Amino acid sequence: MTAQVIDGRKIATNLKSQVFDEIANLRSNGFHCGIAILTVSGDFASDSPARRIGRERLHRYASAAASRR
């Protein structure tokens, strides 16, 4: 069995594109898509992914709003 090199960035880009296309399709059909994050640990390190997702979502929202102007 030979090793296979996996391009994680390419896979992530393709996956994000598919997700964004599906979200656009849902929005065009009157659905509102969002994300909810529930953290219960109280541990700063465990809460880090939730903060990162929140920042990414805010950045995408601001970019989309700027492109509509």
PDB file of N, CA and C in Angstrom:
ATOM      1  N   MET A   1       0.855  -1.183   0.000  1.00  0.00           N
ATOM      2  CA  MET A   1       0.000   0.000   0.000  1.00  0.00           C
ATOM      3  C   MET A   1       0.888   1.229   0.000  1.00  0.00           C
ATOM      4  N   THR A   2       0.630   2.113  -0.950  1.00  0.00           N
ATOM      5  CA  THR A   2       1.419   3.336  -1.042  1.00  0.00           C
ATOM      6  C   THR A   2       0.727   4.466  -0.299  1.00  0.00           C
ATOM      7  N   ALA A   3       1.523   5.388   0.147  1.00  0.00           N
ATOM      8  CA  ALA A   3       0.976   6.557   0.864  1.00  0.00           C
ATOM      9  C   ALA A   3       0.296   7.490  -0.125  1.00  0.00           C
ATOM     10  N   GLN A   4      -0.738   8.144   0.350  1.00  0.00           N
ATOM     11  CA  GLN A   4      -1.460   9.111  -0.477  1.00  0.00           C
ATOM     12  C   GLN A   4      -1.406  10.466   0.213  1.00  0.00           C
ATOM     13  N   VAL A   5      -0.950  11.463  -0.513  1.00  0.00           N
ATOM     14  CA  VAL A   5      -0.874  12.817   0.020  1.00  0.00           C
ATOM     15  C   VAL A   5      -2.253  13.453  -0.098  1.00  0.00           C
ATOM     16  N   ILE A   6      -2.728  14.001   0.999  1.00  0.00           N
ATOM     17  CA  ILE A   6      -4.035  14.644   1.037  1.00  0.00           C
ATOM     18  C   ILE A   6      -3.815  16.148   1.153  1.00  0.00           C
ATOM     19  N   ASP A   7      -4.441  16.900   0.264  1.00  0.00           N
ATOM     20  CA  ASP A   7      -4.343  18.360   0.289  1.00  0.00           C
ATOM     21  C   ASP A   7      -5.518  18.896   1.107  1.00  0.00           C
ATOM     22  N   GLY A   8      -5.294  19.099   2.389  1.00  0.00           N
ATOM     23  CA  GLY A   8      -6.346  19.538   3.302  1.00  0.00           C
ATOM     24  C   GLY A   8      -6.918  20.901   2.942  1.00  0.00           C
ATOM     25  N   ARG A   9      -6.093  21.808   2.465  1.00  0.00           N
ATOM     26  CA  ARG A   9      -6.586  23.137   2.105  1.00  0.00           C
ATOM     27  C   ARG A   9      -7.525  23.073   0.903  1.00  0.00           C
ATOM     28  N   LYS A  10      -7.178  22.227  -0.061  1.00  0.00           N
ATOM     29  CA  LYS A  10      -8.033  22.076  -1.234  1.00  0.00           C
ATOM     30  C   LYS A  10      -9.369  21.448  -0.835  1.00  0.00           C
ATOM     31  N   ILE A  11      -9.326  20.446   0.023  1.00  0.00           N
ATOM     32  CA  ILE A  11     -10.553  19.801   0.499  1.00  0.00           C
ATOM     33  C   ILE A  11     -11.408  20.807   1.255  1.00  0.00           C
ATOM     34  N   ALA A  12     -10.777  21.604   2.124  1.00  0.00           N
ATOM     35  CA  ALA A  12     -11.523  22.607   2.902  1.00  0.00           C
ATOM     36  C   ALA A  12     -12.144  23.659   1.994  1.00  0.00           C
ATOM     37  N   THR A  13     -11.406  24.090   0.985  1.00  0.00           N
ATOM     38  CA  THR A  13     -11.932  25.090   0.048  1.00  0.00           C
ATOM     39  C   THR A  13     -13.141  24.544  -0.695  1.00  0.00           C
ATOM     40  N   ASN A  14     -13.046  23.305  -1.158  1.00  0.00           N
ATOM     41  CA  ASN A  14     -14.165  22.685  -1.867  1.00  0.00           C
ATOM     42  C   ASN A  14     -15.372  22.515  -0.952  1.00  0.00           C
ATOM     43  N   LEU A  15     -15.129  22.097   0.280  1.00  0.00           N
ATOM     44  CA  LEU A  15     -16.218  21.894   1.231  1.00  0.00           C
ATOM     45  C   LEU A  15     -16.906  23.218   1.563  1.00  0.00           C
ATOM     46  N   LYS A  16     -16.117  24.257   1.805  1.00  0.00           N
ATOM     47  CA  LYS A  16     -16.698  25.579   2.099  1.00  0.00           C
ATOM     48  C   LYS A  16     -17.534  26.074   0.924  1.00  0.00           C
ATOM     49  N   SER A  17     -17.028  25.857  -0.288  1.00  0.00           N
ATOM     50  CA  SER A  17     -17.763  26.273  -1.467  1.00  0.00           C
ATOM     51  C   SER A  17     -19.112  25.554  -1.556  1.00  0.00           C
ATOM     52  N   GLN A  18     -19.109  24.262  -1.293  1.00  0.00           N
ATOM     53  CA  GLN A  18     -20.350  23.488  -1.315  1.00  0.00           C
ATOM     54  C   GLN A  18     -21.329  23.977  -0.255  1.00  0.00           C
ATOM     55  N   VAL A  19     -20.817  24.253   0.935  1.00  0.00           N
ATOM     56  CA  VAL A  19     -21.672  24.730   2.023  1.00  0.00           C
ATOM     57  C   VAL A  19     -22.255  26.097   1.684  1.00  0.00           C
ATOM     58  N   PHE A  20     -21.429  27.009   1.166  1.00  0.00           N
ATOM     59  CA  PHE A  20     -21.923  28.340   0.813  1.00  0.00           C
ATOM     60  C   PHE A  20     -22.968  28.265  -0.290  1.00  0.00           C
ATOM     61  N   ASP A  21     -22.754  27.366  -1.262  1.00  0.00           N
ATOM     62  CA  ASP A  21     -23.747  27.191  -2.330  1.00  0.00           C
ATOM     63  C   ASP A  21     -25.067  26.680  -1.769  1.00  0.00           C
ATOM     64  N   GLU A  22     -24.993  25.740  -0.849  1.00  0.00           N
ATOM     65  CA  GLU A  22     -26.212  25.195  -0.245  1.00  0.00           C
ATOM     66  C   GLU A  22     -26.930  26.262   0.588  1.00  0.00           C
ATOM     67  N   ILE A  23     -26.174  27.076   1.307  1.00  0.00           N
ATOM     68  CA  ILE A  23     -26.769  28.156   2.099  1.00  0.00           C
ATOM     69  C   ILE A  23     -27.453  29.161   1.175  1.00  0.00           C
ATOM     70  N   ALA A  24     -26.798  29.510   0.064  1.00  0.00           N
ATOM     71  CA  ALA A  24     -27.402  30.437  -0.891  1.00  0.00           C
ATOM     72  C   ALA A  24     -28.695  29.860  -1.452  1.00  0.00           C
ATOM     73  N   ASN A  25     -28.693  28.561  -1.721  1.00  0.00           N
ATOM     74  CA  ASN A  25     -29.889  27.897  -2.220  1.00  0.00           C
ATOM     75  C   ASN A  25     -31.014  27.950  -1.180  1.00  0.00           C
ATOM     76  N   LEU A  26     -30.684  27.676   0.066  1.00  0.00           N
ATOM     77  CA  LEU A  26     -31.693  27.727   1.129  1.00  0.00           C
ATOM     78  C   LEU A  26     -32.241  29.145   1.296  1.00  0.00           C
ATOM     79  N   ARG A  27     -31.347  30.134   1.275  1.00  0.00           N
ATOM     80  CA  ARG A  27     -31.794  31.529   1.430  1.00  0.00           C
ATOM     81  C   ARG A  27     -32.720  31.947   0.295  1.00  0.00           C
ATOM     82  N   SER A  28     -32.410  31.488  -0.916  1.00  0.00           N
ATOM     83  CA  SER A  28     -33.255  31.850  -2.049  1.00  0.00           C
ATOM     84  C   SER A  28     -34.642  31.219  -1.943  1.00  0.00           C
ATOM     85  N   ASN A  29     -34.747  30.169  -1.121  1.00  0.00           N
ATOM     86  CA  ASN A  29     -36.041  29.525  -0.887  1.00  0.00           C
ATOM     87  C   ASN A  29     -36.702  30.001   0.408  1.00  0.00           C
ATOM     88  N   GLY A  30     -36.190  31.097   0.982  1.00  0.00           N
ATOM     89  CA  GLY A  30     -36.831  31.708   2.138  1.00  0.00           C
ATOM     90  C   GLY A  30     -36.371  31.217   3.501  1.00  0.00           C
ATOM     91  N   PHE A  31     -35.337  30.390   3.547  1.00  0.00           N
ATOM     92  CA  PHE A  31     -34.825  29.916   4.832  1.00  0.00           C
ATOM     93  C   PHE A  31     -33.733  30.850   5.335  1.00  0.00           C
ATOM     94  N   HIS A  32     -33.636  30.988   6.646  1.00  0.00           N
ATOM     95  CA  HIS A  32     -32.572  31.778   7.258  1.00  0.00           C
ATOM     96  C   HIS A  32     -31.608  30.811   7.936  1.00  0.00           C
ATOM     97  N   CYS A  33     -30.347  30.871   7.541  1.00  0.00           N
ATOM     98  CA  CYS A  33     -29.339  29.963   8.098  1.00  0.00           C
ATOM     99  C   CYS A  33     -28.520  30.697   9.148  1.00  0.00           C
ATOM    100  N   GLY A  34     -28.200  30.021  10.206  1.00  0.00           N
ATOM    101  CA  GLY A  34     -27.392  30.610  11.268  1.00  0.00           C
ATOM    102  C   GLY A  34     -26.598  29.537  11.979  1.00  0.00           C
ATOM    103  N   ILE A  35     -25.865  29.946  12.969  1.00  0.00           N
ATOM    104  CA  ILE A  35     -25.087  29.004  13.756  1.00  0.00           C
ATOM    105  C   ILE A  35     -25.260  29.358  15.226  1.00  0.00           C
ATOM    106  N   ALA A  36     -25.403  28.350  16.034  1.00  0.00           N
ATOM    107  CA  ALA A  36     -25.497  28.540  17.478  1.00  0.00           C
ATOM    108  C   ALA A  36     -24.364  27.764  18.134  1.00  0.00           C
ATOM    109  N   ILE A  37     -23.712  28.385  19.071  1.00  0.00           N
ATOM    110  CA  ILE A  37     -22.603  27.747  19.771  1.00  0.00           C
ATOM    111  C   ILE A  37     -22.919  27.767  21.262  1.00  0.00           C
ATOM    112  N   LEU A  38     -22.892  26.612  21.860  1.00  0.00           N
ATOM    113  CA  LEU A  38     -23.157  26.488  23.288  1.00  0.00           C
ATOM    114  C   LEU A  38     -21.905  25.948  23.956  1.00  0.00           C
ATOM    115  N   THR A  39     -21.336  26.728  24.850  1.00  0.00           N
ATOM    116  CA  THR A  39     -20.170  26.264  25.600  1.00  0.00           C
ATOM    117  C   THR A  39     -20.561  26.152  27.066  1.00  0.00           C
ATOM    118  N   VAL A  40     -20.181  25.064  27.672  1.00  0.00           N
ATOM    119  CA  VAL A  40     -20.551  24.830  29.068  1.00  0.00           C
ATOM    120  C   VAL A  40     -19.345  24.555  29.952  1.00  0.00           C
ATOM    121  N   SER A  41     -18.159  24.556  29.353  1.00  0.00           N
ATOM    122  CA  SER A  41     -16.986  24.128  30.104  1.00  0.00           C
ATOM    123  C   SER A  41     -16.460  25.192  31.063  1.00  0.00           C
ATOM    124  N   GLY A  42     -16.497  26.459  30.641  1.00  0.00           N
ATOM    125  CA  GLY A  42     -15.883  27.498  31.449  1.00  0.00           C
ATOM    126  C   GLY A  42     -14.368  27.496  31.323  1.00  0.00           C
ATOM    127  N   ASP A  43     -13.840  26.601  30.486  1.00  0.00           N
ATOM    128  CA  ASP A  43     -12.403  26.489  30.267  1.00  0.00           C
ATOM    129  C   ASP A  43     -12.024  27.375  29.081  1.00  0.00           C
ATOM    130  N   PHE A  44     -11.082  28.287  29.283  1.00  0.00           N
ATOM    131  CA  PHE A  44     -10.694  29.244  28.253  1.00  0.00           C
ATOM    132  C   PHE A  44     -10.247  28.538  26.972  1.00  0.00           C
ATOM    133  N   ALA A  45      -9.426  27.498  27.092  1.00  0.00           N
ATOM    134  CA  ALA A  45      -8.918  26.778  25.916  1.00  0.00           C
ATOM    135  C   ALA A  45     -10.050  26.095  25.162  1.00  0.00           C
ATOM    136  N   SER A  46     -11.021  25.572  25.867  1.00  0.00           N
ATOM    137  CA  SER A  46     -12.150  24.907  25.216  1.00  0.00           C
ATOM    138  C   SER A  46     -13.062  25.902  24.518  1.00  0.00           C
ATOM    139  N   ASP A  47     -13.099  27.121  24.992  1.00  0.00           N
ATOM    140  CA  ASP A  47     -13.958  28.145  24.395  1.00  0.00           C
ATOM    141  C   ASP A  47     -13.321  28.787  23.159  1.00  0.00           C
ATOM    142  N   SER A  48     -12.036  28.528  22.931  1.00  0.00           N
ATOM    143  CA  SER A  48     -11.323  29.139  21.821  1.00  0.00           C
ATOM    144  C   SER A  48     -11.957  28.854  20.458  1.00  0.00           C
ATOM    145  N   PRO A  49     -12.347  27.616  20.147  1.00  0.00           N
ATOM    146  CA  PRO A  49     -12.985  27.387  18.838  1.00  0.00           C
ATOM    147  C   PRO A  49     -14.270  28.191  18.659  1.00  0.00           C
ATOM    148  N   ALA A  50     -15.024  28.376  19.698  1.00  0.00           N
ATOM    149  CA  ALA A  50     -16.271  29.150  19.609  1.00  0.00           C
ATOM    150  C   ALA A  50     -15.963  30.604  19.289  1.00  0.00           C
ATOM    151  N   ARG A  51     -14.940  31.158  19.906  1.00  0.00           N
ATOM    152  CA  ARG A  51     -14.561  32.543  19.618  1.00  0.00           C
ATOM    153  C   ARG A  51     -14.079  32.679  18.177  1.00  0.00           C
ATOM    154  N   ARG A  52     -13.293  31.696  17.700  1.00  0.00           N
ATOM    155  CA  ARG A  52     -12.788  31.732  16.326  1.00  0.00           C
ATOM    156  C   ARG A  52     -13.943  31.693  15.342  1.00  0.00           C
ATOM    157  N   ILE A  53     -14.917  30.837  15.557  1.00  0.00           N
ATOM    158  CA  ILE A  53     -16.078  30.745  14.667  1.00  0.00           C
ATOM    159  C   ILE A  53     -16.841  32.061  14.672  1.00  0.00           C
ATOM    160  N   GLY A  54     -17.000  32.661  15.837  1.00  0.00           N
ATOM    161  CA  GLY A  54     -17.685  33.945  15.928  1.00  0.00           C
ATOM    162  C   GLY A  54     -16.967  35.030  15.145  1.00  0.00           C
ATOM    163  N   ARG A  55     -15.642  35.068  15.235  1.00  0.00           N
ATOM    164  CA  ARG A  55     -14.863  36.062  14.491  1.00  0.00           C
ATOM    165  C   ARG A  55     -14.986  35.832  12.991  1.00  0.00           C
ATOM    166  N   GLU A  56     -14.895  34.565  12.559  1.00  0.00           N
ATOM    167  CA  GLU A  56     -15.007  34.260  11.133  1.00  0.00           C
ATOM    168  C   GLU A  56     -16.377  34.665  10.607  1.00  0.00           C
ATOM    169  N   ARG A  57     -17.404  34.397  11.384  1.00  0.00           N
ATOM    170  CA  ARG A  57     -18.763  34.735  10.957  1.00  0.00           C
ATOM    171  C   ARG A  57     -18.913  36.254  10.857  1.00  0.00           C
ATOM    172  N   LEU A  58     -18.383  36.984  11.823  1.00  0.00           N
ATOM    173  CA  LEU A  58     -18.451  38.447  11.796  1.00  0.00           C
ATOM    174  C   LEU A  58     -17.700  38.986  10.587  1.00  0.00           C
ATOM    175  N   HIS A  59     -16.523  38.420  10.292  1.00  0.00           N
ATOM    176  CA  HIS A  59     -15.727  38.870   9.152  1.00  0.00           C
ATOM    177  C   HIS A  59     -16.479  38.628   7.837  1.00  0.00           C
ATOM    178  N   ARG A  60     -17.090  37.443   7.693  1.00  0.00           N
ATOM    179  CA  ARG A  60     -17.841  37.140   6.469  1.00  0.00           C
ATOM    180  C   ARG A  60     -19.042  38.064   6.330  1.00  0.00           C
ATOM    181  N   TYR A  61     -19.710  38.359   7.452  1.00  0.00           N
ATOM    182  CA  TYR A  61     -20.876  39.242   7.420  1.00  0.00           C
ATOM    183  C   TYR A  61     -20.458  40.646   6.975  1.00  0.00           C
ATOM    184  N   ALA A  62     -19.362  41.134   7.536  1.00  0.00           N
ATOM    185  CA  ALA A  62     -18.881  42.471   7.183  1.00  0.00           C
ATOM    186  C   ALA A  62     -18.450  42.516   5.722  1.00  0.00           C
ATOM    187  N   SER A  63     -17.796  41.466   5.239  1.00  0.00           N
ATOM    188  CA  SER A  63     -17.353  41.425   3.849  1.00  0.00           C
ATOM    189  C   SER A  63     -18.552  41.396   2.908  1.00  0.00           C
ATOM    190  N   ALA A  64     -19.568  40.614   3.255  1.00  0.00           N
ATOM    191  CA  ALA A  64     -20.760  40.522   2.422  1.00  0.00           C
ATOM    192  C   ALA A  64     -21.511  41.864   2.406  1.00  0.00           C
ATOM    193  N   ALA A  65     -21.576  42.512   3.558  1.00  0.00           N
ATOM    194  CA  ALA A  65     -22.265  43.796   3.639  1.00  0.00           C
ATOM    195  C   ALA A  65     -21.524  44.854   2.814  1.00  0.00           C
ATOM    196  N   ALA A  66     -20.208  44.828   2.860  1.00  0.00           N
ATOM    197  CA  ALA A  66     -19.406  45.796   2.099  1.00  0.00           C
ATOM    198  C   ALA A  66     -19.563  45.566   0.603  1.00  0.00           C
ATOM    199  N   SER A  67     -19.683  44.314   0.183  1.00  0.00           N
ATOM    200  CA  SER A  67     -19.792  44.033  -1.249  1.00  0.00           C
ATOM    201  C   SER A  67     -21.163  44.416  -1.795  1.00  0.00           C
ATOM    202  N   ARG A  68     -22.168  44.547  -0.918  1.00  0.00           N
ATOM    203  CA  ARG A  68     -23.520  44.924  -1.354  1.00  0.00           C
ATOM    204  C   ARG A  68     -23.635  46.425  -1.611  1.00  0.00           C
ATOM    205  N   ARG A  69     -22.695  47.198  -1.104  1.00  0.00           N
ATOM    206  CA  ARG A  69     -22.758  48.666  -1.228  1.00  0.00           C
ATOM    207  C   ARG A  69     -22.418  49.126  -2.616  1.00  0.00           C
TER     208      ARG A  69
END
